[in-house]
Amino acid sequence: GACLFTCLLAAIAVRLTGHYFVVITIVVSLVLYFAAMGLRNITGGDDGLTFPRLRLFGDLTFGDATVRYYTVLVVVAALYLLTRRIVNSPLGLAWKAVRDNEGRARLLGYNAERLKFTAYVLSGTLAGIAGGLYALINSYTTVEFLHWSLSGDPVLWAIVGGAGTLAGPILGTLLLVFLRDFLSTVLIHIYPILVGAILIVSITFFPKGIV
């Protein structure tokens, strides 16, 4: 579902550049959010939806923390290896060419719109898998996950860890999510301020990220 929807959105988004690209992404997110809020009978609105824990084999269910941990670990590792394979393939090299110098890539015969389309769809598909896995693991989902503000978290994680790398976003996610969970037990109001400080320090001293 995420892949198909991203295909529709990518057909429009890849034709835009600069801040227009960001705006269309935020607008679509807002439209989906308010539409989901309006369909409360289906989506549960801001109360969300809960569903039974999925049973795997025998007594193994997602109610077991060990099962949840290894499920996420296996899925993340598999997607990491797949993404690394794609990035190091001729397609991945073409993506880098368009990213670094779109004009020169066009002169070399690359179809920039088609390449950006495939990158956008892959990103949307991975995000859909992550969202589905989150709901499956926690047996809960809510329309709040559609809000545009949550889309900013992965951007921050990537910037802090190192955008343009595969290990960077993983490191940034581990650091900031661990920090958020730790501070939630102390004083959650400190987290946004601390994240802002980390972002400023990261951009100042590590403009390309920690990695």
N, C-alpha and C. Protein backbone atom coordinates (compact mmCIF):
# COMPACT_ATOMS: atom_id res chain seq x y z
N GLY A 1 0.82 -1.20 0.00
CA GLY A 1 0.00 0.00 0.00
C GLY A 1 0.86 1.26 0.00
N ALA A 2 1.88 1.27 0.85
CA ALA A 2 2.77 2.44 0.92
C ALA A 2 3.49 2.64 -0.41
N CYS A 3 3.89 1.54 -1.03
CA CYS A 3 4.60 1.61 -2.31
C CYS A 3 3.71 2.21 -3.40
N LEU A 4 2.46 1.74 -3.48
CA LEU A 4 1.54 2.24 -4.50
C LEU A 4 1.22 3.71 -4.29
N PHE A 5 0.97 4.08 -3.02
CA PHE A 5 0.67 5.48 -2.75
C PHE A 5 1.86 6.38 -3.06
N THR A 6 3.07 5.91 -2.72
CA THR A 6 4.26 6.70 -3.00
C THR A 6 4.47 6.87 -4.50
N CYS A 7 4.11 5.86 -5.27
CA CYS A 7 4.20 5.98 -6.74
C CYS A 7 3.35 7.13 -7.24
N LEU A 8 2.13 7.25 -6.71
CA LEU A 8 1.22 8.32 -7.12
C LEU A 8 1.79 9.68 -6.71
N LEU A 9 2.28 9.77 -5.49
CA LEU A 9 2.83 11.04 -5.00
C LEU A 9 4.12 11.39 -5.71
N ALA A 10 4.95 10.38 -5.98
CA ALA A 10 6.24 10.63 -6.62
C ALA A 10 6.07 11.18 -8.03
N ALA A 11 5.01 10.75 -8.71
CA ALA A 11 4.76 11.21 -10.08
C ALA A 11 4.62 12.74 -10.12
N ILE A 12 4.14 13.32 -9.01
CA ILE A 12 3.99 14.77 -8.92
C ILE A 12 5.23 15.40 -8.30
N ALA A 13 5.69 14.81 -7.21
CA ALA A 13 6.77 15.41 -6.41
C ALA A 13 8.08 15.55 -7.17
N VAL A 14 8.43 14.56 -8.00
CA VAL A 14 9.74 14.59 -8.67
C VAL A 14 9.83 15.70 -9.71
N ARG A 15 8.70 16.26 -10.09
CA ARG A 15 8.72 17.36 -11.05
C ARG A 15 8.96 18.70 -10.37
N LEU A 16 8.98 18.69 -9.04
CA LEU A 16 9.18 19.91 -8.28
C LEU A 16 10.59 19.95 -7.72
N THR A 17 11.06 21.13 -7.43
CA THR A 17 12.41 21.29 -6.89
C THR A 17 12.38 22.23 -5.69
N GLY A 18 13.45 22.17 -4.91
CA GLY A 18 13.60 23.09 -3.79
C GLY A 18 12.50 22.98 -2.77
N HIS A 19 12.03 24.16 -2.30
CA HIS A 19 11.03 24.18 -1.23
C HIS A 19 9.67 23.68 -1.69
N TYR A 20 9.42 23.69 -3.02
CA TYR A 20 8.15 23.17 -3.52
C TYR A 20 8.02 21.67 -3.24
N PHE A 21 9.15 20.99 -3.35
CA PHE A 21 9.17 19.55 -3.08
C PHE A 21 8.80 19.28 -1.62
N VAL A 22 9.35 20.08 -0.71
CA VAL A 22 9.05 19.92 0.71
C VAL A 22 7.59 20.26 0.99
N VAL A 23 7.10 21.34 0.37
CA VAL A 23 5.72 21.79 0.60
C VAL A 23 4.72 20.73 0.19
N ILE A 24 4.89 20.12 -0.98
CA ILE A 24 3.93 19.13 -1.45
C ILE A 24 3.91 17.91 -0.53
N THR A 25 5.07 17.55 0.01
CA THR A 25 5.13 16.42 0.94
C THR A 25 4.36 16.72 2.22
N ILE A 26 4.54 17.94 2.75
CA ILE A 26 3.84 18.34 3.98
C ILE A 26 2.34 18.46 3.74
N VAL A 27 1.96 19.03 2.60
CA VAL A 27 0.54 19.19 2.28
C VAL A 27 -0.17 17.84 2.20
N VAL A 28 0.44 16.89 1.53
CA VAL A 28 -0.15 15.55 1.41
C VAL A 28 -0.28 14.91 2.79
N SER A 29 0.73 15.10 3.63
CA SER A 29 0.69 14.55 4.98
C SER A 29 -0.47 15.15 5.77
N LEU A 30 -0.68 16.46 5.64
CA LEU A 30 -1.79 17.12 6.35
C LEU A 30 -3.14 16.64 5.84
N VAL A 31 -3.26 16.48 4.53
CA VAL A 31 -4.51 16.00 3.95
C VAL A 31 -4.84 14.60 4.47
N LEU A 32 -3.85 13.73 4.48
CA LEU A 32 -4.06 12.36 4.99
C LEU A 32 -4.42 12.38 6.48
N TYR A 33 -3.75 13.25 7.22
CA TYR A 33 -4.00 13.33 8.67
C TYR A 33 -5.45 13.73 8.95
N PHE A 34 -5.91 14.81 8.32
CA PHE A 34 -7.27 15.28 8.58
C PHE A 34 -8.32 14.33 8.01
N ALA A 35 -7.99 13.68 6.90
CA ALA A 35 -8.91 12.69 6.34
C ALA A 35 -9.06 11.51 7.30
N ALA A 36 -7.94 11.06 7.86
CA ALA A 36 -7.98 9.95 8.82
C ALA A 36 -8.71 10.34 10.09
N MET A 37 -8.55 11.60 10.52
CA MET A 37 -9.27 12.07 11.71
C MET A 37 -10.77 12.09 11.46
N GLY A 38 -11.15 12.40 10.22
CA GLY A 38 -12.57 12.45 9.89
C GLY A 38 -13.19 11.06 9.80
N LEU A 39 -12.40 10.07 9.43
CA LEU A 39 -12.89 8.69 9.31
C LEU A 39 -12.67 7.94 10.63
N ARG A 40 -13.16 8.51 11.70
CA ARG A 40 -12.92 7.96 13.04
C ARG A 40 -13.44 6.53 13.19
N ASN A 41 -14.54 6.22 12.50
CA ASN A 41 -15.10 4.87 12.61
C ASN A 41 -14.16 3.80 12.06
N ILE A 42 -13.29 4.22 11.13
CA ILE A 42 -12.36 3.27 10.51
C ILE A 42 -10.99 3.34 11.18
N THR A 43 -10.51 4.56 11.42
CA THR A 43 -9.14 4.75 11.91
C THR A 43 -9.04 4.84 13.43
N GLY A 44 -10.17 5.10 14.09
CA GLY A 44 -10.12 5.28 15.54
C GLY A 44 -9.76 6.69 15.95
N GLY A 45 -9.46 7.56 14.97
CA GLY A 45 -9.11 8.94 15.27
C GLY A 45 -7.88 9.05 16.13
N ASP A 46 -7.88 10.06 17.03
CA ASP A 46 -6.71 10.23 17.90
C ASP A 46 -6.67 9.21 19.03
N ASP A 47 -7.74 8.42 19.19
CA ASP A 47 -7.72 7.33 20.17
C ASP A 47 -6.93 6.13 19.66
N GLY A 48 -6.80 6.02 18.34
CA GLY A 48 -6.05 4.94 17.74
C GLY A 48 -6.81 3.62 17.70
N LEU A 49 -6.13 2.62 17.20
CA LEU A 49 -6.69 1.28 17.10
C LEU A 49 -5.76 0.28 17.76
N THR A 50 -6.33 -0.66 18.46
CA THR A 50 -5.55 -1.75 19.03
C THR A 50 -6.01 -3.06 18.42
N PHE A 51 -5.12 -4.02 18.36
CA PHE A 51 -5.47 -5.33 17.82
C PHE A 51 -4.65 -6.39 18.53
N PRO A 52 -5.10 -7.65 18.48
CA PRO A 52 -4.43 -8.72 19.24
C PRO A 52 -2.98 -8.92 18.80
N ARG A 53 -2.16 -9.40 19.73
CA ARG A 53 -0.78 -9.73 19.41
C ARG A 53 -0.75 -10.87 18.41
N LEU A 54 0.08 -10.72 17.39
CA LEU A 54 0.20 -11.74 16.36
C LEU A 54 0.98 -12.94 16.91
N ARG A 55 0.44 -14.14 16.70
CA ARG A 55 1.12 -15.36 17.12
C ARG A 55 1.96 -15.88 15.96
N LEU A 56 3.22 -16.19 16.22
CA LEU A 56 4.12 -16.67 15.18
C LEU A 56 4.10 -18.19 15.10
N PHE A 57 4.88 -18.83 15.95
CA PHE A 57 4.93 -20.29 15.95
C PHE A 57 4.78 -20.78 17.39
N GLY A 58 3.82 -21.66 17.62
CA GLY A 58 3.64 -22.21 18.97
C GLY A 58 3.31 -21.13 19.97
N ASP A 59 4.18 -20.98 20.97
CA ASP A 59 3.96 -20.00 22.02
C ASP A 59 4.62 -18.65 21.74
N LEU A 60 5.25 -18.51 20.57
CA LEU A 60 5.94 -17.27 20.24
C LEU A 60 4.93 -16.21 19.78
N THR A 61 4.85 -15.12 20.51
CA THR A 61 3.99 -14.00 20.14
C THR A 61 4.78 -12.70 20.32
N PHE A 62 4.23 -11.62 19.78
CA PHE A 62 4.88 -10.33 19.94
C PHE A 62 4.68 -9.76 21.34
N GLY A 63 3.98 -10.51 22.19
CA GLY A 63 3.90 -10.11 23.58
C GLY A 63 5.20 -10.36 24.31
N ASP A 64 6.06 -11.19 23.73
CA ASP A 64 7.37 -11.51 24.30
C ASP A 64 8.38 -10.47 23.79
N ALA A 65 9.05 -9.78 24.72
CA ALA A 65 10.00 -8.73 24.36
C ALA A 65 11.15 -9.28 23.52
N THR A 66 11.56 -10.52 23.80
CA THR A 66 12.66 -11.12 23.04
C THR A 66 12.25 -11.34 21.59
N VAL A 67 11.03 -11.78 21.36
CA VAL A 67 10.52 -11.99 20.01
C VAL A 67 10.46 -10.65 19.27
N ARG A 68 9.99 -9.62 19.94
CA ARG A 68 9.92 -8.30 19.31
C ARG A 68 11.31 -7.81 18.93
N TYR A 69 12.25 -7.98 19.83
CA TYR A 69 13.62 -7.50 19.60
C TYR A 69 14.24 -8.17 18.37
N TYR A 70 14.19 -9.49 18.33
CA TYR A 70 14.84 -10.20 17.23
C TYR A 70 14.09 -10.03 15.91
N THR A 71 12.78 -9.82 15.98
CA THR A 71 12.02 -9.55 14.76
C THR A 71 12.47 -8.24 14.13
N VAL A 72 12.56 -7.21 14.95
CA VAL A 72 13.01 -5.91 14.46
C VAL A 72 14.46 -6.00 13.97
N LEU A 73 15.30 -6.70 14.72
CA LEU A 73 16.71 -6.82 14.34
C LEU A 73 16.87 -7.50 12.98
N VAL A 74 16.12 -8.57 12.75
CA VAL A 74 16.22 -9.30 11.49
C VAL A 74 15.72 -8.44 10.33
N VAL A 75 14.59 -7.76 10.54
CA VAL A 75 14.02 -6.94 9.46
C VAL A 75 14.95 -5.78 9.12
N VAL A 76 15.46 -5.09 10.14
CA VAL A 76 16.36 -3.95 9.92
C VAL A 76 17.64 -4.41 9.23
N ALA A 77 18.21 -5.53 9.67
CA ALA A 77 19.44 -6.04 9.07
C ALA A 77 19.22 -6.41 7.60
N ALA A 78 18.09 -7.06 7.32
CA ALA A 78 17.79 -7.46 5.94
C ALA A 78 17.61 -6.24 5.04
N LEU A 79 16.89 -5.24 5.53
CA LEU A 79 16.67 -4.03 4.73
C LEU A 79 17.96 -3.23 4.56
N TYR A 80 18.81 -3.25 5.58
CA TYR A 80 20.10 -2.56 5.48
C TYR A 80 20.96 -3.20 4.39
N LEU A 81 21.03 -4.52 4.39
CA LEU A 81 21.83 -5.22 3.38
C LEU A 81 21.26 -5.00 1.98
N LEU A 82 19.92 -5.03 1.87
CA LEU A 82 19.28 -4.79 0.58
C LEU A 82 19.56 -3.38 0.08
N THR A 83 19.43 -2.40 0.98
CA THR A 83 19.66 -1.01 0.60
C THR A 83 21.11 -0.78 0.21
N ARG A 84 22.04 -1.40 0.95
CA ARG A 84 23.46 -1.25 0.62
C ARG A 84 23.75 -1.83 -0.76
N ARG A 85 23.11 -2.95 -1.06
CA ARG A 85 23.30 -3.57 -2.38
C ARG A 85 22.80 -2.64 -3.48
N ILE A 86 21.65 -2.01 -3.25
CA ILE A 86 21.08 -1.11 -4.24
C ILE A 86 21.95 0.13 -4.41
N VAL A 87 22.38 0.72 -3.29
CA VAL A 87 23.18 1.94 -3.34
C VAL A 87 24.50 1.72 -4.07
N ASN A 88 25.08 0.53 -3.92
CA ASN A 88 26.35 0.23 -4.58
C ASN A 88 26.19 -0.30 -6.00
N SER A 89 24.96 -0.42 -6.46
CA SER A 89 24.68 -0.90 -7.81
C SER A 89 24.77 0.27 -8.80
N PRO A 90 24.71 -0.01 -10.11
CA PRO A 90 24.68 1.08 -11.09
C PRO A 90 23.55 2.07 -10.85
N LEU A 91 22.40 1.57 -10.38
CA LEU A 91 21.28 2.46 -10.07
C LEU A 91 21.67 3.42 -8.95
N GLY A 92 22.31 2.90 -7.91
CA GLY A 92 22.73 3.74 -6.80
C GLY A 92 23.75 4.79 -7.23
N LEU A 93 24.66 4.41 -8.11
CA LEU A 93 25.65 5.37 -8.61
C LEU A 93 24.97 6.47 -9.44
N ALA A 94 23.93 6.09 -10.17
CA ALA A 94 23.18 7.09 -10.94
C ALA A 94 22.44 8.04 -10.00
N TRP A 95 21.91 7.51 -8.91
CA TRP A 95 21.27 8.39 -7.91
C TRP A 95 22.27 9.41 -7.38
N LYS A 96 23.48 8.95 -7.07
CA LYS A 96 24.50 9.85 -6.54
C LYS A 96 24.87 10.92 -7.57
N ALA A 97 24.91 10.53 -8.83
CA ALA A 97 25.24 11.49 -9.89
C ALA A 97 24.20 12.60 -9.96
N VAL A 98 22.93 12.23 -9.88
CA VAL A 98 21.85 13.22 -9.93
C VAL A 98 21.87 14.09 -8.67
N ARG A 99 22.16 13.47 -7.53
CA ARG A 99 22.21 14.22 -6.27
C ARG A 99 23.34 15.26 -6.28
N ASP A 100 24.51 14.86 -6.78
CA ASP A 100 25.68 15.74 -6.73
C ASP A 100 25.65 16.82 -7.80
N ASN A 101 25.17 16.48 -8.98
CA ASN A 101 25.14 17.46 -10.08
C ASN A 101 24.10 17.01 -11.10
N GLU A 102 22.88 17.46 -10.90
CA GLU A 102 21.79 17.01 -11.76
C GLU A 102 21.99 17.45 -13.21
N GLY A 103 22.49 18.67 -13.40
CA GLY A 103 22.70 19.17 -14.75
C GLY A 103 23.70 18.33 -15.52
N ARG A 104 24.80 17.98 -14.87
CA ARG A 104 25.82 17.16 -15.53
C ARG A 104 25.29 15.75 -15.80
N ALA A 105 24.51 15.23 -14.84
CA ALA A 105 23.93 13.89 -15.03
C ALA A 105 23.02 13.86 -16.25
N ARG A 106 22.26 14.93 -16.44
CA ARG A 106 21.37 15.00 -17.62
C ARG A 106 22.19 15.01 -18.91
N LEU A 107 23.31 15.75 -18.89
CA LEU A 107 24.16 15.81 -20.08
C LEU A 107 24.77 14.45 -20.40
N LEU A 108 24.95 13.62 -19.37
CA LEU A 108 25.49 12.28 -19.58
C LEU A 108 24.41 11.29 -20.03
N GLY A 109 23.19 11.77 -20.12
CA GLY A 109 22.12 10.92 -20.65
C GLY A 109 21.20 10.30 -19.61
N TYR A 110 21.37 10.67 -18.33
CA TYR A 110 20.52 10.11 -17.28
C TYR A 110 19.16 10.82 -17.26
N ASN A 111 18.12 10.06 -17.03
CA ASN A 111 16.78 10.62 -16.87
C ASN A 111 16.59 10.96 -15.40
N ALA A 112 16.77 12.23 -15.04
CA ALA A 112 16.76 12.64 -13.64
C ALA A 112 15.41 12.38 -12.98
N GLU A 113 14.32 12.68 -13.70
CA GLU A 113 12.99 12.47 -13.12
C GLU A 113 12.74 11.00 -12.80
N ARG A 114 13.14 10.12 -13.70
CA ARG A 114 12.93 8.69 -13.48
C ARG A 114 13.77 8.20 -12.30
N LEU A 115 15.00 8.69 -12.20
CA LEU A 115 15.87 8.28 -11.10
C LEU A 115 15.34 8.78 -9.76
N LYS A 116 14.88 10.03 -9.73
CA LYS A 116 14.32 10.57 -8.49
C LYS A 116 13.03 9.84 -8.12
N PHE A 117 12.28 9.43 -9.15
CA PHE A 117 11.04 8.68 -8.91
C PHE A 117 11.35 7.35 -8.20
N THR A 118 12.34 6.62 -8.70
CA THR A 118 12.67 5.33 -8.09
C THR A 118 13.20 5.50 -6.67
N ALA A 119 14.00 6.56 -6.45
CA ALA A 119 14.53 6.81 -5.10
C ALA A 119 13.39 7.16 -4.14
N TYR A 120 12.46 7.96 -4.61
CA TYR A 120 11.32 8.38 -3.78
C TYR A 120 10.45 7.18 -3.42
N VAL A 121 10.20 6.32 -4.41
CA VAL A 121 9.36 5.14 -4.17
C VAL A 121 10.04 4.18 -3.20
N LEU A 122 11.34 3.97 -3.36
CA LEU A 122 12.06 3.10 -2.43
C LEU A 122 11.99 3.65 -1.02
N SER A 123 12.19 4.95 -0.87
CA SER A 123 12.12 5.57 0.46
C SER A 123 10.74 5.40 1.08
N GLY A 124 9.70 5.65 0.27
CA GLY A 124 8.34 5.50 0.77
C GLY A 124 8.01 4.07 1.15
N THR A 125 8.53 3.12 0.39
CA THR A 125 8.30 1.70 0.68
C THR A 125 8.96 1.30 2.00
N LEU A 126 10.20 1.74 2.20
CA LEU A 126 10.90 1.44 3.44
C LEU A 126 10.20 2.08 4.63
N ALA A 127 9.70 3.31 4.44
CA ALA A 127 8.96 3.98 5.52
C ALA A 127 7.67 3.22 5.84
N GLY A 128 7.01 2.70 4.79
CA GLY A 128 5.80 1.92 5.00
C GLY A 128 6.06 0.64 5.75
N ILE A 129 7.17 -0.01 5.43
CA ILE A 129 7.55 -1.24 6.14
C ILE A 129 7.82 -0.92 7.61
N ALA A 130 8.52 0.20 7.85
CA ALA A 130 8.83 0.60 9.23
C ALA A 130 7.55 0.88 10.01
N GLY A 131 6.62 1.60 9.38
CA GLY A 131 5.36 1.91 10.05
C GLY A 131 4.54 0.66 10.33
N GLY A 132 4.49 -0.24 9.35
CA GLY A 132 3.75 -1.49 9.55
C GLY A 132 4.38 -2.34 10.64
N LEU A 133 5.71 -2.36 10.69
CA LEU A 133 6.40 -3.13 11.71
C LEU A 133 6.15 -2.55 13.09
N TYR A 134 6.15 -1.21 13.17
CA TYR A 134 5.89 -0.55 14.45
C TYR A 134 4.49 -0.91 14.97
N ALA A 135 3.49 -0.84 14.09
CA ALA A 135 2.12 -1.17 14.49
C ALA A 135 2.01 -2.64 14.88
N LEU A 136 2.69 -3.50 14.14
CA LEU A 136 2.63 -4.94 14.40
C LEU A 136 3.27 -5.28 15.74
N ILE A 137 4.40 -4.66 16.01
CA ILE A 137 5.13 -4.94 17.24
C ILE A 137 4.36 -4.45 18.46
N ASN A 138 3.74 -3.28 18.34
CA ASN A 138 3.07 -2.67 19.48
C ASN A 138 1.57 -2.96 19.54
N SER A 139 1.04 -3.62 18.50
CA SER A 139 -0.39 -3.92 18.43
C SER A 139 -1.24 -2.65 18.60
N TYR A 140 -0.74 -1.57 18.05
CA TYR A 140 -1.43 -0.29 18.21
C TYR A 140 -1.01 0.65 17.10
N THR A 141 -1.95 1.45 16.64
CA THR A 141 -1.64 2.49 15.67
C THR A 141 -2.59 3.65 15.86
N THR A 142 -2.18 4.83 15.45
CA THR A 142 -2.99 6.03 15.62
C THR A 142 -2.74 6.98 14.46
N VAL A 143 -3.70 7.85 14.20
CA VAL A 143 -3.55 8.80 13.09
C VAL A 143 -2.47 9.84 13.40
N GLU A 144 -2.05 9.93 14.65
CA GLU A 144 -0.98 10.86 14.99
C GLU A 144 0.30 10.55 14.22
N PHE A 145 0.45 9.28 13.81
CA PHE A 145 1.63 8.90 13.04
C PHE A 145 1.63 9.51 11.64
N LEU A 146 0.48 10.02 11.21
CA LEU A 146 0.39 10.66 9.91
C LEU A 146 0.73 12.14 9.96
N HIS A 147 0.84 12.69 11.16
CA HIS A 147 1.07 14.13 11.27
C HIS A 147 2.44 14.50 10.71
N TRP A 148 2.49 15.65 10.03
CA TRP A 148 3.72 16.05 9.35
C TRP A 148 4.89 16.25 10.31
N SER A 149 4.60 16.62 11.56
CA SER A 149 5.68 16.89 12.49
C SER A 149 6.53 15.65 12.77
N LEU A 150 5.91 14.47 12.72
CA LEU A 150 6.66 13.24 12.95
C LEU A 150 7.63 12.95 11.80
N SER A 151 7.34 13.51 10.62
CA SER A 151 8.24 13.31 9.49
C SER A 151 9.57 14.02 9.72
N GLY A 152 9.59 14.98 10.64
CA GLY A 152 10.83 15.69 10.91
C GLY A 152 11.82 14.87 11.71
N ASP A 153 11.33 13.90 12.48
CA ASP A 153 12.24 13.10 13.32
C ASP A 153 13.27 12.33 12.48
N PRO A 154 12.86 11.58 11.45
CA PRO A 154 13.87 10.87 10.65
C PRO A 154 14.87 11.81 9.98
N VAL A 155 14.41 13.02 9.63
CA VAL A 155 15.33 13.99 9.03
C VAL A 155 16.41 14.38 10.03
N LEU A 156 15.99 14.64 11.27
CA LEU A 156 16.95 14.98 12.32
C LEU A 156 17.92 13.84 12.57
N TRP A 157 17.39 12.62 12.62
CA TRP A 157 18.24 11.45 12.86
C TRP A 157 19.30 11.32 11.77
N ALA A 158 18.88 11.56 10.53
CA ALA A 158 19.81 11.44 9.40
C ALA A 158 20.86 12.54 9.43
N ILE A 159 20.44 13.76 9.76
CA ILE A 159 21.38 14.89 9.78
C ILE A 159 22.44 14.68 10.86
N VAL A 160 22.01 14.28 12.05
CA VAL A 160 22.94 14.08 13.16
C VAL A 160 23.88 12.91 12.86
N GLY A 161 23.34 11.81 12.36
CA GLY A 161 24.16 10.63 12.08
C GLY A 161 25.02 10.78 10.85
N GLY A 162 24.46 11.38 9.81
CA GLY A 162 25.21 11.54 8.57
C GLY A 162 24.37 11.22 7.35
N ALA A 163 23.72 12.24 6.79
CA ALA A 163 22.92 12.04 5.57
C ALA A 163 23.83 11.64 4.43
N GLY A 164 23.34 10.80 3.54
CA GLY A 164 24.15 10.34 2.43
C GLY A 164 24.94 9.08 2.76
N THR A 165 24.76 8.58 3.98
CA THR A 165 25.40 7.32 4.39
C THR A 165 24.31 6.37 4.85
N LEU A 166 24.67 5.09 4.97
CA LEU A 166 23.71 4.11 5.46
C LEU A 166 23.82 3.93 6.97
N ALA A 167 25.04 4.01 7.49
CA ALA A 167 25.23 3.83 8.93
C ALA A 167 24.83 5.08 9.71
N GLY A 168 24.93 6.24 9.09
CA GLY A 168 24.64 7.50 9.77
C GLY A 168 23.25 7.59 10.36
N PRO A 169 22.20 7.39 9.57
CA PRO A 169 20.84 7.45 10.12
C PRO A 169 20.60 6.43 11.23
N ILE A 170 21.23 5.27 11.13
CA ILE A 170 21.07 4.25 12.18
C ILE A 170 21.68 4.76 13.48
N LEU A 171 22.90 5.33 13.39
CA LEU A 171 23.55 5.87 14.58
C LEU A 171 22.77 7.04 15.16
N GLY A 172 22.30 7.94 14.28
CA GLY A 172 21.52 9.09 14.74
C GLY A 172 20.23 8.66 15.42
N THR A 173 19.59 7.64 14.87
CA THR A 173 18.35 7.12 15.46
C THR A 173 18.62 6.51 16.82
N LEU A 174 19.66 5.68 16.92
CA LEU A 174 20.00 5.07 18.21
C LEU A 174 20.26 6.13 19.27
N LEU A 175 21.01 7.16 18.90
CA LEU A 175 21.38 8.20 19.85
C LEU A 175 20.17 8.99 20.33
N LEU A 176 19.38 9.50 19.38
CA LEU A 176 18.27 10.39 19.75
C LEU A 176 17.08 9.65 20.34
N VAL A 177 16.80 8.44 19.85
CA VAL A 177 15.69 7.68 20.42
C VAL A 177 16.02 7.22 21.83
N PHE A 178 17.27 6.78 22.04
CA PHE A 178 17.70 6.39 23.38
C PHE A 178 17.61 7.59 24.32
N LEU A 179 18.04 8.75 23.82
CA LEU A 179 18.00 9.97 24.63
C LEU A 179 16.56 10.34 24.97
N ARG A 180 15.67 10.22 23.99
CA ARG A 180 14.26 10.54 24.23
C ARG A 180 13.65 9.60 25.27
N ASP A 181 13.91 8.31 25.13
CA ASP A 181 13.35 7.34 26.08
C ASP A 181 13.92 7.54 27.48
N PHE A 182 15.20 7.88 27.55
CA PHE A 182 15.82 8.11 28.86
C PHE A 182 15.23 9.35 29.52
N LEU A 183 15.09 10.43 28.75
CA LEU A 183 14.59 11.67 29.33
C LEU A 183 13.11 11.58 29.68
N SER A 184 12.38 10.68 28.99
CA SER A 184 10.95 10.54 29.28
C SER A 184 10.73 10.03 30.70
N THR A 185 11.74 9.38 31.26
CA THR A 185 11.64 8.90 32.64
C THR A 185 12.09 9.96 33.64
N VAL A 186 12.71 11.03 33.12
CA VAL A 186 13.21 12.09 33.99
C VAL A 186 12.35 13.35 33.81
N LEU A 187 12.52 13.99 32.66
CA LEU A 187 11.76 15.21 32.36
C LEU A 187 11.67 15.36 30.85
N ILE A 188 10.53 14.98 30.31
CA ILE A 188 10.36 14.92 28.86
C ILE A 188 10.48 16.29 28.21
N HIS A 189 10.21 17.37 28.98
CA HIS A 189 10.24 18.71 28.39
C HIS A 189 11.66 19.14 27.99
N ILE A 190 12.66 18.47 28.54
CA ILE A 190 14.04 18.82 28.21
C ILE A 190 14.41 18.30 26.82
N TYR A 191 13.75 17.24 26.36
CA TYR A 191 14.15 16.57 25.12
C TYR A 191 14.19 17.50 23.91
N PRO A 192 13.11 18.26 23.62
CA PRO A 192 13.18 19.13 22.42
C PRO A 192 14.33 20.13 22.48
N ILE A 193 14.60 20.67 23.67
CA ILE A 193 15.69 21.64 23.82
C ILE A 193 17.03 20.96 23.58
N LEU A 194 17.18 19.76 24.15
CA LEU A 194 18.44 19.03 23.99
C LEU A 194 18.66 18.61 22.54
N VAL A 195 17.59 18.19 21.86
CA VAL A 195 17.70 17.82 20.45
C VAL A 195 18.13 19.02 19.62
N GLY A 196 17.55 20.18 19.92
CA GLY A 196 17.95 21.40 19.22
C GLY A 196 19.42 21.70 19.42
N ALA A 197 19.89 21.54 20.66
CA ALA A 197 21.31 21.78 20.96
C ALA A 197 22.20 20.79 20.23
N ILE A 198 21.79 19.51 20.21
CA ILE A 198 22.55 18.48 19.51
C ILE A 198 22.61 18.78 18.02
N LEU A 199 21.50 19.24 17.46
CA LEU A 199 21.45 19.56 16.04
C LEU A 199 22.38 20.72 15.70
N ILE A 200 22.39 21.76 16.55
CA ILE A 200 23.27 22.91 16.33
C ILE A 200 24.74 22.50 16.40
N VAL A 201 25.08 21.71 17.42
CA VAL A 201 26.46 21.24 17.58
C VAL A 201 26.86 20.36 16.41
N SER A 202 25.94 19.48 15.99
CA SER A 202 26.23 18.57 14.89
C SER A 202 26.49 19.33 13.60
N ILE A 203 25.63 20.30 13.29
CA ILE A 203 25.79 21.06 12.06
C ILE A 203 27.06 21.92 12.09
N THR A 204 27.40 22.43 13.30
CA THR A 204 28.57 23.30 13.44
C THR A 204 29.88 22.53 13.33
N PHE A 205 29.97 21.42 14.07
CA PHE A 205 31.24 20.69 14.15
C PHE A 205 31.27 19.45 13.25
N PHE A 206 30.09 18.91 12.93
CA PHE A 206 30.01 17.74 12.04
C PHE A 206 28.97 18.02 10.95
N PRO A 207 29.25 18.95 10.05
CA PRO A 207 28.24 19.35 9.05
C PRO A 207 27.76 18.21 8.17
N LYS A 208 28.56 17.15 8.06
CA LYS A 208 28.14 15.99 7.27
C LYS A 208 27.68 14.85 8.17
N GLY A 209 27.51 15.13 9.45
CA GLY A 209 27.05 14.10 10.38
C GLY A 209 28.18 13.44 11.10
N ILE A 210 27.84 12.67 12.15
CA ILE A 210 28.85 11.99 12.97
C ILE A 210 29.66 11.00 12.15
N VAL A 211 28.99 10.21 11.34
CA VAL A 211 29.69 9.21 10.53
C VAL A 211 30.58 9.86 9.48
